[in-house]
Amino acid sequence: MLTYASNGNRNHLAFKQLLLGTIAAAICASVAAWAMTTPASAQAPGKIPELASTSFAWLGGGEWRDPPAGMRGPIRNDPAFPYNGNNDRVGQQVTVRMGNWRDPVLKPWAAAKMKATNDEVIAGIRQVPFSAQSRCYPGGVPGQLLYPAEPFYFIQTPKQVWMIWQRDHMVRRVFLTDKHSETVKPSWFGESIGRYENDGTFVVDTIGLQTENSYIDNWRTPHSEKLHVVERFKLAADAKTLDALVKVEDPDAYNEPIYLAQRWRKVDNPLHETVCAENNLDHFNQGLFPIPEAKKFDF
């Protein structure tokens, strides 16, 4: 990752423009090379949807939506602490997210961990509980799909699909191979393998997810290293929206699979730069979760 000092001078602006131009050019080159050099017979099986472009991005995120009827849906807020977000009722006091640790889908340890994060808020230790989106942490899988207000992009090549978020330019790589590695070292985004189905659905299977500061939702629902996530991305018929249906399984954390849905809309949005950590300190002494800090220089 490239890093540089934010000094506000012309050289800094020129460097940012050069960096963003280089990234955009790389996206364009990758897509063009695939289209020009990869015959249909060599592509991943199934119909390949047009998810990647230098002229559009995908914008959505926020909370998980409900899955189709009959599927166990997402965990919600604790009924004892009604949640009012920034976009909720006019005149209502905005409140913080307090997860429903009593949800029967949770194993006892997972419920206790969720309750502990709620108790920190109740006791005044933190006025705002942990949120990957606001504290500059990767969202993990599938939590990264919840990043709101800022778009993300795809790069599609014959062997890999990249998902790049404008926020901190976080990159998730999906490998178009047939099976997982025999040994997977746990990491923020785990090991993701993907395939295209005949109806154009992009299916991503992920294992090997680390657990520290990693949650499947905005309510701080924890998971173990046995978490197994299957995401199904599907374009609408008019290609103006993208939907995902996510299946989350973790026999050590949940009593049954959890199904989550999300939707994004296609927007005209060039790749901008958002640096999360700049000036993102606890200026009002709210007990905010500290942002991550590098232990050594990148170069």
Protein backbone atom coordinates (compact mmCIF):
# COMPACT_ATOMS: atom_id res chain seq x y z
CA MET A 1 0.00 0.00 0.00
CA LEU A 2 1.27 3.48 -0.82
CA THR A 3 1.31 6.00 2.00
CA TYR A 4 2.19 9.68 2.07
CA ALA A 5 1.91 12.73 4.30
CA SER A 6 -1.23 14.83 3.94
CA ASN A 7 0.28 18.34 3.74
CA GLY A 8 -2.31 19.99 1.51
CA ASN A 9 0.21 21.38 -0.99
CA ARG A 10 0.17 21.10 -4.74
CA ASN A 11 2.63 18.22 -4.83
CA HIS A 12 0.34 16.22 -2.55
CA LEU A 13 -2.67 16.91 -4.78
CA ALA A 14 -0.71 15.99 -7.87
CA PHE A 15 0.42 12.74 -6.24
CA LYS A 16 -3.15 11.81 -5.31
CA GLN A 17 -4.32 12.50 -8.85
CA LEU A 18 -1.48 10.40 -10.24
CA LEU A 19 -2.27 7.56 -7.82
CA LEU A 20 -5.98 7.54 -8.61
CA GLY A 21 -5.26 7.78 -12.32
CA THR A 22 -2.94 4.79 -12.06
CA ILE A 23 -5.58 2.72 -10.28
CA ALA A 24 -8.25 3.66 -12.83
CA ALA A 25 -5.87 2.79 -15.66
CA ALA A 26 -5.15 -0.58 -14.05
CA ILE A 27 -8.86 -1.35 -13.87
CA CYS A 28 -9.33 -0.40 -17.51
CA ALA A 29 -6.29 -2.41 -18.61
CA SER A 30 -7.39 -5.50 -16.68
CA VAL A 31 -10.89 -5.45 -18.15
CA ALA A 32 -9.62 -4.75 -21.65
CA ALA A 33 -6.99 -7.49 -21.49
CA TRP A 34 -9.58 -10.00 -20.40
CA ALA A 35 -11.96 -9.07 -23.18
CA MET A 36 -9.24 -9.13 -25.88
CA THR A 37 -7.19 -12.19 -24.91
CA THR A 38 -9.54 -14.59 -23.14
CA PRO A 39 -11.71 -16.80 -25.37
CA ALA A 40 -15.14 -17.76 -24.08
CA SER A 41 -14.07 -21.39 -23.72
CA ALA A 42 -11.34 -20.36 -21.25
CA GLN A 43 -13.55 -18.29 -18.98
CA ALA A 44 -14.99 -19.54 -15.73
CA PRO A 45 -18.07 -21.73 -16.36
CA GLY A 46 -21.38 -19.94 -16.58
CA LYS A 47 -22.55 -16.56 -17.80
CA ILE A 48 -20.24 -13.74 -16.73
CA PRO A 49 -22.15 -10.62 -15.60
CA GLU A 50 -20.79 -7.15 -16.25
CA LEU A 51 -19.89 -6.09 -12.74
CA ALA A 52 -16.75 -4.09 -13.57
CA SER A 53 -16.26 -0.80 -15.37
CA THR A 54 -14.27 2.42 -15.09
CA SER A 55 -17.47 4.40 -15.70
CA PHE A 56 -19.69 3.15 -12.87
CA ALA A 57 -19.62 1.92 -9.29
CA TRP A 58 -22.00 0.23 -6.83
CA LEU A 59 -23.52 2.22 -3.98
CA GLY A 60 -25.65 0.88 -1.12
CA GLY A 61 -24.81 -0.83 2.14
CA GLY A 62 -26.18 0.15 5.53
CA GLU A 63 -28.14 -2.50 7.42
CA TRP A 64 -28.79 -6.05 6.27
CA ARG A 65 -32.09 -6.53 4.49
CA ASP A 66 -34.44 -9.43 5.15
CA PRO A 67 -33.93 -12.58 3.03
CA PRO A 68 -36.74 -14.34 1.15
CA ALA A 69 -39.58 -15.74 3.26
CA GLY A 70 -38.80 -18.93 5.14
CA MET A 71 -35.13 -18.14 5.78
CA ARG A 72 -33.70 -17.22 9.17
CA GLY A 73 -32.94 -13.49 8.83
CA PRO A 74 -30.45 -11.09 10.41
CA ILE A 75 -30.10 -10.25 14.09
CA ARG A 76 -31.63 -6.88 14.99
CA ASN A 77 -31.45 -4.38 17.83
CA ASP A 78 -32.24 -5.20 21.44
CA PRO A 79 -35.97 -4.36 21.88
CA ALA A 80 -35.09 -2.70 25.19
CA PHE A 81 -33.00 -0.12 23.29
CA PRO A 82 -34.86 1.11 20.18
CA TYR A 83 -32.50 2.23 17.45
CA ASN A 84 -32.86 5.56 15.64
CA GLY A 85 -30.30 6.15 12.91
CA ASN A 86 -29.38 9.33 11.08
CA ASN A 87 -31.99 8.63 8.41
CA ASP A 88 -34.84 7.73 10.76
CA ARG A 89 -37.68 9.86 12.09
CA VAL A 90 -37.22 13.60 11.99
CA GLY A 91 -36.90 15.01 15.50
CA GLN A 92 -35.95 11.70 17.10
CA GLN A 93 -32.73 11.47 19.08
CA VAL A 94 -30.12 9.39 17.25
CA THR A 95 -29.16 6.35 19.32
CA VAL A 96 -26.35 3.80 19.13
CA ARG A 97 -26.72 0.21 17.98
CA MET A 98 -27.39 -2.26 20.79
CA GLY A 99 -27.53 -5.80 19.47
CA ASN A 100 -30.15 -8.29 20.59
CA TRP A 101 -27.92 -10.68 22.54
CA ARG A 102 -31.02 -12.65 23.58
CA ASP A 103 -31.63 -13.87 20.02
CA PRO A 104 -31.98 -17.68 20.23
CA VAL A 105 -29.78 -18.21 17.18
CA LEU A 106 -26.72 -17.29 19.27
CA LYS A 107 -24.61 -19.81 21.17
CA PRO A 108 -24.11 -18.81 24.85
CA TRP A 109 -20.56 -17.45 24.39
CA ALA A 110 -21.59 -15.38 21.36
CA ALA A 111 -24.57 -13.93 23.25
CA ALA A 112 -22.31 -13.09 26.21
CA LYS A 113 -19.80 -11.32 23.97
CA MET A 114 -22.52 -9.26 22.31
CA LYS A 115 -23.97 -8.38 25.73
CA ALA A 116 -20.53 -7.28 26.92
CA THR A 117 -20.25 -4.73 24.10
CA ASN A 118 -23.72 -3.42 25.02
CA ASP A 119 -22.74 -3.21 28.68
CA GLU A 120 -19.75 -0.99 27.82
CA VAL A 121 -22.20 1.57 26.43
CA ILE A 122 -24.64 1.24 29.34
CA ALA A 123 -21.80 1.72 31.83
CA GLY A 124 -20.52 4.77 29.97
CA ILE A 125 -17.18 3.17 29.12
CA ARG A 126 -17.90 3.89 25.45
CA GLN A 127 -20.48 6.36 24.20
CA VAL A 128 -20.25 4.78 20.74
CA PRO A 129 -19.59 1.03 20.42
CA PHE A 130 -17.21 -0.47 17.87
CA SER A 131 -18.00 0.08 14.21
CA ALA A 132 -15.59 -1.05 11.51
CA GLN A 133 -16.94 1.55 9.09
CA SER A 134 -16.18 4.52 11.35
CA ARG A 135 -13.00 3.27 13.03
CA CYS A 136 -11.03 2.39 9.88
CA TYR A 137 -11.07 -1.39 10.29
CA PRO A 138 -11.82 -3.86 7.51
CA GLY A 139 -15.40 -5.06 7.76
CA GLY A 140 -14.53 -8.73 7.30
CA VAL A 141 -16.82 -11.15 5.47
CA PRO A 142 -19.67 -10.52 5.08
CA GLY A 143 -19.58 -7.31 7.16
CA GLN A 144 -17.59 -5.40 4.53
CA LEU A 145 -20.73 -5.39 2.35
CA LEU A 146 -22.37 -3.00 4.82
CA TYR A 147 -20.09 -0.01 4.16
CA PRO A 148 -22.57 2.84 3.42
CA ALA A 149 -22.42 6.19 1.62
CA GLU A 150 -19.31 5.33 -0.40
CA PRO A 151 -19.18 3.08 -3.48
CA PHE A 152 -17.20 -0.02 -4.32
CA TYR A 153 -15.90 -1.38 -7.61
CA PHE A 154 -15.19 -4.74 -9.25
CA ILE A 155 -12.22 -5.82 -11.34
CA GLN A 156 -12.91 -9.05 -13.26
CA THR A 157 -10.09 -11.11 -14.77
CA PRO A 158 -9.92 -14.78 -15.84
CA LYS A 159 -8.37 -15.91 -12.56
CA GLN A 160 -9.44 -13.37 -9.97
CA VAL A 161 -12.22 -10.92 -9.17
CA TRP A 162 -11.32 -7.92 -7.02
CA MET A 163 -13.73 -5.88 -4.95
CA ILE A 164 -12.32 -2.41 -4.15
CA TRP A 165 -13.98 -0.06 -1.68
CA GLN A 166 -13.49 3.69 -1.98
CA ARG A 167 -13.10 3.83 1.81
CA ASP A 168 -9.36 3.39 2.34
CA HIS A 169 -9.22 1.50 -0.99
CA MET A 170 -9.72 -1.77 0.84
CA VAL A 171 -9.33 -4.70 -1.55
CA ARG A 172 -10.90 -8.14 -1.33
CA ARG A 173 -9.70 -10.82 -3.75
CA VAL A 174 -11.85 -13.70 -4.99
CA PHE A 175 -10.01 -16.55 -6.73
CA LEU A 176 -11.77 -18.32 -9.60
CA THR A 177 -10.60 -21.80 -8.69
CA ASP A 178 -12.39 -25.03 -7.90
CA LYS A 179 -11.63 -25.52 -4.21
CA HIS A 180 -10.12 -24.02 -1.08
CA SER A 181 -6.52 -24.51 -0.02
CA GLU A 182 -5.80 -27.43 2.29
CA THR A 183 -4.56 -25.01 4.97
CA VAL A 184 -5.93 -21.48 5.26
CA LYS A 185 -4.36 -18.93 7.62
CA PRO A 186 -7.13 -16.80 9.17
CA SER A 187 -7.23 -13.22 7.85
CA TRP A 188 -9.59 -10.22 7.60
CA PHE A 189 -11.16 -11.33 4.30
CA GLY A 190 -10.29 -15.02 4.53
CA GLU A 191 -9.90 -17.16 1.43
CA SER A 192 -12.64 -16.56 -1.14
CA ILE A 193 -13.20 -18.74 -4.19
CA GLY A 194 -15.77 -17.82 -6.82
CA ARG A 195 -17.65 -19.14 -9.80
CA TYR A 196 -20.23 -17.93 -12.31
CA GLU A 197 -23.47 -19.83 -12.69
CA ASN A 198 -25.46 -20.16 -15.89
CA ASP A 199 -27.95 -17.45 -14.89
CA GLY A 200 -25.14 -14.94 -14.33
CA THR A 201 -25.01 -15.30 -10.54
CA PHE A 202 -21.55 -14.71 -9.10
CA VAL A 203 -21.11 -17.13 -6.17
CA VAL A 204 -18.37 -16.56 -3.60
CA ASP A 205 -17.43 -19.13 -0.94
CA THR A 206 -15.27 -17.88 1.95
CA ILE A 207 -13.52 -19.55 4.90
CA GLY A 208 -10.48 -18.70 7.03
CA LEU A 209 -11.79 -15.57 8.72
CA GLN A 210 -10.05 -14.15 11.77
CA THR A 211 -12.20 -13.12 14.74
CA GLU A 212 -10.64 -10.08 16.46
CA ASN A 213 -12.83 -6.98 15.93
CA SER A 214 -14.68 -8.90 13.22
CA TYR A 215 -18.48 -9.12 13.16
CA ILE A 216 -21.06 -10.24 10.61
CA ASP A 217 -23.20 -7.12 11.05
CA ASN A 218 -23.44 -3.65 12.59
CA TRP A 219 -24.87 -5.11 15.82
CA ARG A 220 -21.51 -6.69 16.70
CA THR A 221 -22.60 -10.30 16.24
CA PRO A 222 -19.38 -12.29 16.74
CA HIS A 223 -18.23 -15.44 15.00
CA SER A 224 -15.61 -18.16 15.43
CA GLU A 225 -12.89 -19.26 13.00
CA LYS A 226 -15.33 -21.88 11.72
CA LEU A 227 -17.37 -19.16 10.00
CA HIS A 228 -18.35 -20.20 6.47
CA VAL A 229 -19.90 -17.56 4.20
CA VAL A 230 -21.52 -18.07 0.79
CA GLU A 231 -22.50 -14.92 -1.12
CA ARG A 232 -24.63 -14.91 -4.27
CA PHE A 233 -24.39 -11.70 -6.33
CA LYS A 234 -26.98 -11.20 -9.06
CA LEU A 235 -27.61 -8.29 -11.44
CA ALA A 236 -31.19 -7.13 -12.00
CA ALA A 237 -32.61 -7.60 -15.50
CA ASP A 238 -31.92 -3.94 -16.34
CA ALA A 239 -28.41 -4.16 -14.78
CA LYS A 240 -29.13 -1.04 -12.70
CA THR A 241 -29.10 -2.80 -9.33
CA LEU A 242 -27.03 -5.58 -7.81
CA ASP A 243 -28.42 -7.91 -5.14
CA ALA A 244 -26.63 -10.27 -2.78
CA LEU A 245 -28.04 -13.13 -0.75
CA VAL A 246 -25.60 -14.25 1.94
CA LYS A 247 -25.64 -17.53 3.88
CA VAL A 248 -23.66 -17.49 7.14
CA GLU A 249 -22.87 -20.76 8.92
CA ASP A 250 -20.85 -21.18 12.11
CA PRO A 251 -21.56 -24.27 14.23
CA ASP A 252 -19.55 -22.83 17.13
CA ALA A 253 -21.42 -19.49 17.21
CA TYR A 254 -24.93 -20.00 15.76
CA ASN A 255 -27.62 -22.63 16.22
CA GLU A 256 -28.65 -22.49 12.56
CA PRO A 257 -27.61 -20.76 9.33
CA ILE A 258 -28.34 -17.03 9.09
CA TYR A 259 -29.41 -15.48 5.77
CA LEU A 260 -28.71 -11.84 4.94
CA ALA A 261 -29.64 -9.71 1.92
CA GLN A 262 -28.12 -6.53 0.50
CA ARG A 263 -28.69 -4.29 -2.53
CA TRP A 264 -26.64 -1.68 -4.38
CA ARG A 265 -27.52 0.66 -7.22
CA LYS A 266 -25.30 1.49 -10.19
CA VAL A 267 -23.92 5.04 -10.03
CA ASP A 268 -21.65 7.16 -12.19
CA ASN A 269 -18.73 7.61 -9.85
CA PRO A 270 -15.03 7.92 -10.64
CA LEU A 271 -12.65 6.33 -8.17
CA HIS A 272 -11.99 8.93 -5.47
CA GLU A 273 -9.78 8.71 -2.40
CA THR A 274 -11.14 8.46 1.13
CA VAL A 275 -8.53 8.23 3.87
CA CYS A 276 -10.37 7.09 6.98
CA ALA A 277 -7.66 7.64 9.57
CA GLU A 278 -6.87 11.30 8.85
CA ASN A 279 -8.15 13.47 11.74
CA ASN A 280 -10.25 10.55 13.00
CA LEU A 281 -9.38 10.85 16.69
CA ASP A 282 -11.51 10.87 19.83
CA HIS A 283 -11.77 14.67 19.99
CA PHE A 284 -14.82 14.69 22.31
CA ASN A 285 -13.61 12.00 24.75
CA GLN A 286 -16.39 9.56 23.89
CA GLY A 287 -14.33 6.47 24.62
CA LEU A 288 -14.22 5.65 20.91
CA PHE A 289 -12.54 2.44 19.89
CA PRO A 290 -8.96 3.35 18.86
CA ILE A 291 -8.24 3.31 15.14
CA PRO A 292 -5.62 0.81 13.89
CA GLU A 293 -2.04 2.03 13.70
CA ALA A 294 0.80 0.56 11.66
CA LYS A 295 3.63 -0.94 13.66
CA LYS A 296 6.21 -0.27 10.92
CA PHE A 297 6.61 1.83 7.80
CA ASP A 298 5.25 0.47 4.51
CA PHE A 299 8.57 1.13 2.83
